[in-house]
Amino acid sequence: MNNSEYLLLTSLFIAGTDTDVGKTYITAGLAVTLRKMGVDVGIMKPFAAGIAQKKGYKSEDVEILSAAAQVNDPENMINPQFFPIPASPYTAWKRLKTKPKISTILSSFKKLTKIHDLMLVEGMGGIMTPILKDYYITNLIKEMDIPTVIVTRSKIGTVNHTIMTVKMCEKYKIPIKGIIINDFDAGYPVKELTRDLKNLTGIPILGSIPFIKDMSDSSLYKIFKKSIDFKLILN
């Protein structure tokens, strides 16, 4: 496929219904597949947190995403802010006295969109994760002015979390490209979950991803190309 087919879409924000729903691995799979489809894809994780790695990128998530997209962009552009504790940007700010740098993030994002044809921006935690007082992940997506893909899980309780996420996107007038079900923890049969989420939210279900043991490029490409509706994502 010719990458010129996809230039109408320049960025996607990969948002989660909660923390630990697998946003990084979904974003990585999307990056690998788009790259193999001939798209010059860039990645960004505005905020990352946790224990810093001793070698390479501070954030393991950023390392995974960079390898998936095969980019060599500067770390301070693709991850403008890293907090060395597992906390939201707001909590990290209060505990470490390091204020989240919204303007730096937006500036880095703008620069990256000029380098790559399509950007995948991975969020942090759920969509209402606080960055500043009265400023959440939703506000950041709104300022970036890009549509989102919502990543949810198959665990019981996911319908509640997904509906709330969709409602908040609607409140902030954030366009939703669709929902990806990350089926790594059993509980809600994917066929039923797909039916229920589609009927309850009216949002397209882009597909479901099974638990993946082999995280190689070839494995991710095979699974994502088969499981995800890229026409819906890119059009």
C-alpha atoms as a PDB file:
ATOM      1  CA  MET A   1       0.000   0.000   0.000  1.00  0.00           C
ATOM      2  CA  ASN A   2       1.156   3.523  -0.769  1.00  0.00           C
ATOM      3  CA  ASN A   3       1.542   5.711   2.298  1.00  0.00           C
ATOM      4  CA  SER A   4       0.005   8.634   0.405  1.00  0.00           C
ATOM      5  CA  GLU A   5      -3.355   6.971   1.078  1.00  0.00           C
ATOM      6  CA  TYR A   6      -3.047   7.818   4.759  1.00  0.00           C
ATOM      7  CA  LEU A   7      -1.860  11.413   4.797  1.00  0.00           C
ATOM      8  CA  LEU A   8      -5.323  12.764   5.614  1.00  0.00           C
ATOM      9  CA  LEU A   9      -4.859  11.472   9.171  1.00  0.00           C
ATOM     10  CA  THR A  10      -1.856  12.990  10.896  1.00  0.00           C
ATOM     11  CA  SER A  11      -2.213  11.884  14.528  1.00  0.00           C
ATOM     12  CA  LEU A  12      -4.055   9.613  16.918  1.00  0.00           C
ATOM     13  CA  PHE A  13      -4.171   9.747  20.704  1.00  0.00           C
ATOM     14  CA  ILE A  14      -4.225   6.253  22.212  1.00  0.00           C
ATOM     15  CA  ALA A  15      -6.245   6.641  25.409  1.00  0.00           C
ATOM     16  CA  GLY A  16      -7.101   4.062  28.051  1.00  0.00           C
ATOM     17  CA  THR A  17     -10.157   3.356  30.149  1.00  0.00           C
ATOM     18  CA  ASP A  18      -7.815   2.877  33.113  1.00  0.00           C
ATOM     19  CA  THR A  19      -4.188   2.247  33.959  1.00  0.00           C
ATOM     20  CA  ASP A  20      -2.661  -1.118  32.957  1.00  0.00           C
ATOM     21  CA  VAL A  21      -5.099  -1.775  30.108  1.00  0.00           C
ATOM     22  CA  GLY A  22      -2.209  -2.329  27.705  1.00  0.00           C
ATOM     23  CA  LYS A  23      -2.001   1.044  25.932  1.00  0.00           C
ATOM     24  CA  THR A  24       1.732   0.697  25.310  1.00  0.00           C
ATOM     25  CA  TYR A  25       1.471  -2.706  23.654  1.00  0.00           C
ATOM     26  CA  ILE A  26      -1.532  -1.666  21.582  1.00  0.00           C
ATOM     27  CA  THR A  27       0.307   1.490  20.476  1.00  0.00           C
ATOM     28  CA  ALA A  28       3.402  -0.583  19.671  1.00  0.00           C
ATOM     29  CA  GLY A  29       1.359  -3.034  17.617  1.00  0.00           C
ATOM     30  CA  LEU A  30      -0.277  -0.198  15.709  1.00  0.00           C
ATOM     31  CA  ALA A  31       3.132   1.404  15.087  1.00  0.00           C
ATOM     32  CA  VAL A  32       4.681  -1.811  13.768  1.00  0.00           C
ATOM     33  CA  THR A  33       1.730  -2.513  11.485  1.00  0.00           C
ATOM     34  CA  LEU A  34       1.505   1.019  10.099  1.00  0.00           C
ATOM     35  CA  ARG A  35       5.253   1.034   9.475  1.00  0.00           C
ATOM     36  CA  LYS A  36       5.015  -2.251   7.575  1.00  0.00           C
ATOM     37  CA  MET A  37       2.092  -0.806   5.606  1.00  0.00           C
ATOM     38  CA  GLY A  38       4.442   1.899   4.353  1.00  0.00           C
ATOM     39  CA  VAL A  39       3.466   4.722   6.692  1.00  0.00           C
ATOM     40  CA  ASP A  40       6.149   6.975   8.209  1.00  0.00           C
ATOM     41  CA  VAL A  41       4.863   6.683  11.771  1.00  0.00           C
ATOM     42  CA  GLY A  42       6.184   8.595  14.766  1.00  0.00           C
ATOM     43  CA  ILE A  43       5.433   7.995  18.440  1.00  0.00           C
ATOM     44  CA  MET A  44       5.111  10.146  21.533  1.00  0.00           C
ATOM     45  CA  LYS A  45       4.433   9.556  25.214  1.00  0.00           C
ATOM     46  CA  PRO A  46       4.063  13.046  26.697  1.00  0.00           C
ATOM     47  CA  PHE A  47       4.302  11.847  30.302  1.00  0.00           C
ATOM     48  CA  ALA A  48       5.914   8.691  31.650  1.00  0.00           C
ATOM     49  CA  ALA A  49       6.474   7.638  35.240  1.00  0.00           C
ATOM     50  CA  GLY A  50       8.070   4.879  37.265  1.00  0.00           C
ATOM     51  CA  ILE A  51      11.561   3.659  38.062  1.00  0.00           C
ATOM     52  CA  ALA A  52      14.035   4.920  35.469  1.00  0.00           C
ATOM     53  CA  GLN A  53      15.931   2.332  33.447  1.00  0.00           C
ATOM     54  CA  LYS A  54      19.698   2.323  33.896  1.00  0.00           C
ATOM     55  CA  LYS A  55      20.402   2.163  30.156  1.00  0.00           C
ATOM     56  CA  GLY A  56      18.730   3.749  27.153  1.00  0.00           C
ATOM     57  CA  TYR A  57      15.448   5.571  27.587  1.00  0.00           C
ATOM     58  CA  LYS A  58      14.365   6.357  31.134  1.00  0.00           C
ATOM     59  CA  SER A  59      10.934   4.871  30.414  1.00  0.00           C
ATOM     60  CA  GLU A  60      10.554   1.249  29.339  1.00  0.00           C
ATOM     61  CA  ASP A  61       7.298   2.221  27.579  1.00  0.00           C
ATOM     62  CA  VAL A  62       9.131   4.800  25.464  1.00  0.00           C
ATOM     63  CA  GLU A  63      11.791   2.220  24.590  1.00  0.00           C
ATOM     64  CA  ILE A  64       9.097  -0.240  23.447  1.00  0.00           C
ATOM     65  CA  LEU A  65       7.347   2.402  21.339  1.00  0.00           C
ATOM     66  CA  SER A  66      10.548   3.706  19.751  1.00  0.00           C
ATOM     67  CA  ALA A  67      11.613   0.200  18.784  1.00  0.00           C
ATOM     68  CA  ALA A  68       8.177  -0.531  17.317  1.00  0.00           C
ATOM     69  CA  ALA A  69       8.180   2.600  15.155  1.00  0.00           C
ATOM     70  CA  GLN A  70      11.950   2.375  14.508  1.00  0.00           C
ATOM     71  CA  VAL A  71      12.449   6.076  15.194  1.00  0.00           C
ATOM     72  CA  ASN A  72      15.551   7.901  16.365  1.00  0.00           C
ATOM     73  CA  ASP A  73      13.875  11.084  17.537  1.00  0.00           C
ATOM     74  CA  PRO A  74      15.397  12.706  20.662  1.00  0.00           C
ATOM     75  CA  GLU A  75      14.091  11.308  23.940  1.00  0.00           C
ATOM     76  CA  ASN A  76      13.170  14.764  25.210  1.00  0.00           C
ATOM     77  CA  MET A  77      10.855  15.179  22.215  1.00  0.00           C
ATOM     78  CA  ILE A  78       9.067  11.849  22.317  1.00  0.00           C
ATOM     79  CA  ASN A  79       8.918  11.876  26.121  1.00  0.00           C
ATOM     80  CA  PRO A  80       9.213  15.501  27.267  1.00  0.00           C
ATOM     81  CA  GLN A  81       8.604  14.660  30.915  1.00  0.00           C
ATOM     82  CA  PHE A  82       9.523  11.634  32.998  1.00  0.00           C
ATOM     83  CA  PHE A  83       8.621  11.349  36.677  1.00  0.00           C
ATOM     84  CA  PRO A  84      10.772   8.881  38.690  1.00  0.00           C
ATOM     85  CA  ILE A  85       7.801   7.701  40.765  1.00  0.00           C
ATOM     86  CA  PRO A  86       4.698   5.725  39.722  1.00  0.00           C
ATOM     87  CA  ALA A  87       2.171   8.553  39.943  1.00  0.00           C
ATOM     88  CA  SER A  88      -0.008  10.862  37.881  1.00  0.00           C
ATOM     89  CA  PRO A  89       1.625  14.100  36.662  1.00  0.00           C
ATOM     90  CA  TYR A  90      -0.423  16.012  39.239  1.00  0.00           C
ATOM     91  CA  THR A  91       0.675  13.802  42.153  1.00  0.00           C
ATOM     92  CA  ALA A  92       4.284  13.828  40.920  1.00  0.00           C
ATOM     93  CA  TRP A  93       4.148  17.634  40.800  1.00  0.00           C
ATOM     94  CA  LYS A  94       2.928  17.853  44.387  1.00  0.00           C
ATOM     95  CA  ARG A  95       5.382  15.279  45.689  1.00  0.00           C
ATOM     96  CA  LEU A  96       8.489  16.174  43.667  1.00  0.00           C
ATOM     97  CA  LYS A  97       7.784  19.882  43.096  1.00  0.00           C
ATOM     98  CA  THR A  98       8.226  19.321  39.351  1.00  0.00           C
ATOM     99  CA  LYS A  99       5.420  21.040  37.492  1.00  0.00           C
ATOM    100  CA  PRO A 100       4.072  19.382  34.323  1.00  0.00           C
ATOM    101  CA  LYS A 101       5.269  21.244  31.227  1.00  0.00           C
ATOM    102  CA  ILE A 102       2.233  21.494  28.973  1.00  0.00           C
ATOM    103  CA  SER A 103       3.732  24.062  26.589  1.00  0.00           C
ATOM    104  CA  THR A 104       6.862  21.933  26.081  1.00  0.00           C
ATOM    105  CA  ILE A 105       4.726  18.899  25.301  1.00  0.00           C
ATOM    106  CA  LEU A 106       2.603  20.759  22.769  1.00  0.00           C
ATOM    107  CA  SER A 107       5.710  22.238  21.152  1.00  0.00           C
ATOM    108  CA  SER A 108       7.383  18.818  20.886  1.00  0.00           C
ATOM    109  CA  PHE A 109       4.220  17.320  19.458  1.00  0.00           C
ATOM    110  CA  LYS A 110       4.050  20.014  16.780  1.00  0.00           C
ATOM    111  CA  LYS A 111       7.690  19.394  15.806  1.00  0.00           C
ATOM    112  CA  LEU A 112       7.150  15.637  15.571  1.00  0.00           C
ATOM    113  CA  THR A 113       4.109  16.064  13.312  1.00  0.00           C
ATOM    114  CA  LYS A 114       6.394  17.842  10.838  1.00  0.00           C
ATOM    115  CA  ILE A 115       8.900  14.971  10.883  1.00  0.00           C
ATOM    116  CA  HIS A 116       6.460  12.065  10.454  1.00  0.00           C
ATOM    117  CA  ASP A 117       3.391  11.487   8.312  1.00  0.00           C
ATOM    118  CA  LEU A 118       1.372  10.030  11.183  1.00  0.00           C
ATOM    119  CA  MET A 119       1.830  10.331  14.939  1.00  0.00           C
ATOM    120  CA  LEU A 120       0.677   7.913  17.635  1.00  0.00           C
ATOM    121  CA  VAL A 121       0.505   9.611  21.038  1.00  0.00           C
ATOM    122  CA  GLU A 122       0.112   7.320  24.039  1.00  0.00           C
ATOM    123  CA  GLY A 123      -1.679   8.662  27.083  1.00  0.00           C
ATOM    124  CA  MET A 124      -1.043   7.978  30.754  1.00  0.00           C
ATOM    125  CA  GLY A 125      -3.480   6.054  32.906  1.00  0.00           C
ATOM    126  CA  GLY A 126      -7.162   6.720  32.244  1.00  0.00           C
ATOM    127  CA  ILE A 127      -8.543   9.634  30.293  1.00  0.00           C
ATOM    128  CA  MET A 128      -9.231  11.708  33.434  1.00  0.00           C
ATOM    129  CA  THR A 129      -5.739  11.283  34.885  1.00  0.00           C
ATOM    130  CA  PRO A 130      -4.930  14.697  36.400  1.00  0.00           C
ATOM    131  CA  ILE A 131      -2.036  16.727  35.022  1.00  0.00           C
ATOM    132  CA  LEU A 132      -2.727  20.033  36.760  1.00  0.00           C
ATOM    133  CA  LYS A 133      -5.650  21.141  38.905  1.00  0.00           C
ATOM    134  CA  ASP A 134      -8.654  21.137  36.531  1.00  0.00           C
ATOM    135  CA  TYR A 135      -6.450  19.977  33.626  1.00  0.00           C
ATOM    136  CA  TYR A 136      -6.623  16.314  32.645  1.00  0.00           C
ATOM    137  CA  ILE A 137      -5.545  13.988  29.830  1.00  0.00           C
ATOM    138  CA  THR A 138      -8.754  15.058  28.095  1.00  0.00           C
ATOM    139  CA  ASN A 139      -7.578  18.680  28.101  1.00  0.00           C
ATOM    140  CA  LEU A 140      -4.260  17.648  26.558  1.00  0.00           C
ATOM    141  CA  ILE A 141      -5.997  15.708  23.762  1.00  0.00           C
ATOM    142  CA  LYS A 142      -8.241  18.719  23.155  1.00  0.00           C
ATOM    143  CA  GLU A 143      -5.255  21.059  22.880  1.00  0.00           C
ATOM    144  CA  MET A 144      -3.505  18.663  20.492  1.00  0.00           C
ATOM    145  CA  ASP A 145      -6.723  18.726  18.467  1.00  0.00           C
ATOM    146  CA  ILE A 146      -6.559  15.078  17.412  1.00  0.00           C
ATOM    147  CA  PRO A 147      -8.970  12.128  17.492  1.00  0.00           C
ATOM    148  CA  THR A 148      -8.577   9.264  19.929  1.00  0.00           C
ATOM    149  CA  VAL A 149      -8.640   5.492  19.946  1.00  0.00           C
ATOM    150  CA  ILE A 150      -9.863   4.063  23.249  1.00  0.00           C
ATOM    151  CA  VAL A 151      -8.169   0.933  24.604  1.00  0.00           C
ATOM    152  CA  THR A 152     -10.305  -1.156  26.945  1.00  0.00           C
ATOM    153  CA  ARG A 153      -9.979  -4.612  28.457  1.00  0.00           C
ATOM    154  CA  SER A 154     -12.146  -7.731  28.673  1.00  0.00           C
ATOM    155  CA  LYS A 155     -12.301  -7.931  32.468  1.00  0.00           C
ATOM    156  CA  ILE A 156     -15.701  -7.696  34.157  1.00  0.00           C
ATOM    157  CA  GLY A 157     -16.374  -4.011  34.871  1.00  0.00           C
ATOM    158  CA  THR A 158     -14.990  -2.883  31.543  1.00  0.00           C
ATOM    159  CA  VAL A 159     -18.379  -1.756  30.218  1.00  0.00           C
ATOM    160  CA  ASN A 160     -18.700   0.805  33.025  1.00  0.00           C
ATOM    161  CA  HIS A 161     -15.163   2.135  32.467  1.00  0.00           C
ATOM    162  CA  THR A 162     -15.588   2.274  28.700  1.00  0.00           C
ATOM    163  CA  ILE A 163     -18.913   4.103  28.807  1.00  0.00           C
ATOM    164  CA  MET A 164     -17.495   6.667  31.248  1.00  0.00           C
ATOM    165  CA  THR A 165     -14.479   7.190  28.980  1.00  0.00           C
ATOM    166  CA  VAL A 166     -16.693   7.679  25.934  1.00  0.00           C
ATOM    167  CA  LYS A 167     -18.909  10.120  27.836  1.00  0.00           C
ATOM    168  CA  MET A 168     -15.906  12.213  28.890  1.00  0.00           C
ATOM    169  CA  CYS A 169     -14.645  12.332  25.295  1.00  0.00           C
ATOM    170  CA  GLU A 170     -18.081  13.533  24.257  1.00  0.00           C
ATOM    171  CA  LYS A 171     -18.085  16.148  27.023  1.00  0.00           C
ATOM    172  CA  TYR A 172     -14.745  17.508  25.813  1.00  0.00           C
ATOM    173  CA  LYS A 173     -15.795  17.151  22.145  1.00  0.00           C
ATOM    174  CA  ILE A 174     -12.949  14.752  21.357  1.00  0.00           C
ATOM    175  CA  PRO A 175     -13.609  12.692  18.199  1.00  0.00           C
ATOM    176  CA  ILE A 176     -13.377   8.927  18.817  1.00  0.00           C
ATOM    177  CA  LYS A 177     -12.066   6.777  15.961  1.00  0.00           C
ATOM    178  CA  GLY A 178     -13.081   3.598  17.727  1.00  0.00           C
ATOM    179  CA  ILE A 179     -12.465   1.153  20.555  1.00  0.00           C
ATOM    180  CA  ILE A 180      -9.847  -1.609  20.690  1.00  0.00           C
ATOM    181  CA  ILE A 181     -10.481  -4.462  23.115  1.00  0.00           C
ATOM    182  CA  ASN A 182      -7.287  -5.767  24.690  1.00  0.00           C
ATOM    183  CA  ASP A 183      -8.287  -9.331  25.561  1.00  0.00           C
ATOM    184  CA  PHE A 184      -5.447 -10.202  27.929  1.00  0.00           C
ATOM    185  CA  ASP A 185      -7.501 -10.965  31.030  1.00  0.00           C
ATOM    186  CA  ALA A 186     -10.516 -13.229  30.703  1.00  0.00           C
ATOM    187  CA  GLY A 187     -13.900 -12.352  32.125  1.00  0.00           C
ATOM    188  CA  TYR A 188     -16.174 -10.921  29.441  1.00  0.00           C
ATOM    189  CA  PRO A 189     -16.466 -12.965  26.211  1.00  0.00           C
ATOM    190  CA  VAL A 190     -15.120 -10.745  23.435  1.00  0.00           C
ATOM    191  CA  LYS A 191     -18.003 -11.448  21.066  1.00  0.00           C
ATOM    192  CA  GLU A 192     -20.533 -10.333  23.691  1.00  0.00           C
ATOM    193  CA  LEU A 193     -18.388  -7.388  24.783  1.00  0.00           C
ATOM    194  CA  THR A 194     -18.059  -6.210  21.175  1.00  0.00           C
ATOM    195  CA  ARG A 195     -21.821  -6.380  20.741  1.00  0.00           C
ATOM    196  CA  ASP A 196     -22.575  -4.627  24.028  1.00  0.00           C
ATOM    197  CA  LEU A 197     -20.044  -1.814  23.668  1.00  0.00           C
ATOM    198  CA  LYS A 198     -21.129  -1.110  20.098  1.00  0.00           C
ATOM    199  CA  ASN A 199     -24.814  -1.012  21.085  1.00  0.00           C
ATOM    200  CA  LEU A 200     -24.300   0.982  24.289  1.00  0.00           C
ATOM    201  CA  THR A 201     -21.838   3.600  23.014  1.00  0.00           C
ATOM    202  CA  GLY A 202     -22.496   3.790  19.280  1.00  0.00           C
ATOM    203  CA  ILE A 203     -18.707   3.818  18.788  1.00  0.00           C
ATOM    204  CA  PRO A 204     -17.096   1.475  16.214  1.00  0.00           C
ATOM    205  CA  ILE A 205     -15.207  -1.499  17.646  1.00  0.00           C
ATOM    206  CA  LEU A 206     -11.943  -1.560  15.709  1.00  0.00           C
ATOM    207  CA  GLY A 207     -11.143  -5.104  16.806  1.00  0.00           C
ATOM    208  CA  SER A 208      -9.762  -7.157  19.662  1.00  0.00           C
ATOM    209  CA  ILE A 209      -6.207  -8.237  20.387  1.00  0.00           C
ATOM    210  CA  PRO A 210      -5.541 -11.585  22.115  1.00  0.00           C
ATOM    211  CA  PHE A 211      -2.821 -12.108  24.699  1.00  0.00           C
ATOM    212  CA  ILE A 212       0.487 -11.971  22.809  1.00  0.00           C
ATOM    213  CA  LYS A 213       3.532 -13.953  23.898  1.00  0.00           C
ATOM    214  CA  ASP A 214       5.720 -13.186  20.880  1.00  0.00           C
ATOM    215  CA  MET A 215       6.286  -9.426  20.689  1.00  0.00           C
ATOM    216  CA  SER A 216       8.456  -9.568  17.556  1.00  0.00           C
ATOM    217  CA  ASP A 217       7.671  -7.302  14.605  1.00  0.00           C
ATOM    218  CA  SER A 218       6.436 -10.185  12.473  1.00  0.00           C
ATOM    219  CA  SER A 219       4.158 -11.498  15.229  1.00  0.00           C
ATOM    220  CA  LEU A 220       2.669  -8.087  16.019  1.00  0.00           C
ATOM    221  CA  TYR A 221       2.130  -7.298  12.348  1.00  0.00           C
ATOM    222  CA  LYS A 222       0.407 -10.613  11.682  1.00  0.00           C
ATOM    223  CA  ILE A 223      -1.936 -10.274  14.671  1.00  0.00           C
ATOM    224  CA  PHE A 224      -2.752  -6.567  14.308  1.00  0.00           C
ATOM    225  CA  LYS A 225      -3.231  -6.656  10.529  1.00  0.00           C
ATOM    226  CA  LYS A 226      -5.670  -9.535  10.953  1.00  0.00           C
ATOM    227  CA  SER A 227      -7.459  -8.259  14.080  1.00  0.00           C
ATOM    228  CA  ILE A 228      -7.763  -4.474  13.654  1.00  0.00           C
ATOM    229  CA  ASP A 229      -9.770  -2.554  11.053  1.00  0.00           C
ATOM    230  CA  PHE A 230      -7.118  -0.133   9.802  1.00  0.00           C
ATOM    231  CA  LYS A 231      -9.461   1.333   7.191  1.00  0.00           C
ATOM    232  CA  LEU A 232     -11.649   2.667   9.982  1.00  0.00           C
ATOM    233  CA  ILE A 233      -8.608   4.013  11.842  1.00  0.00           C
ATOM    234  CA  LEU A 234      -7.039   5.767   8.894  1.00  0.00           C
ATOM    235  CA  ASN A 235     -10.041   7.154   7.054  1.00  0.00           C
END
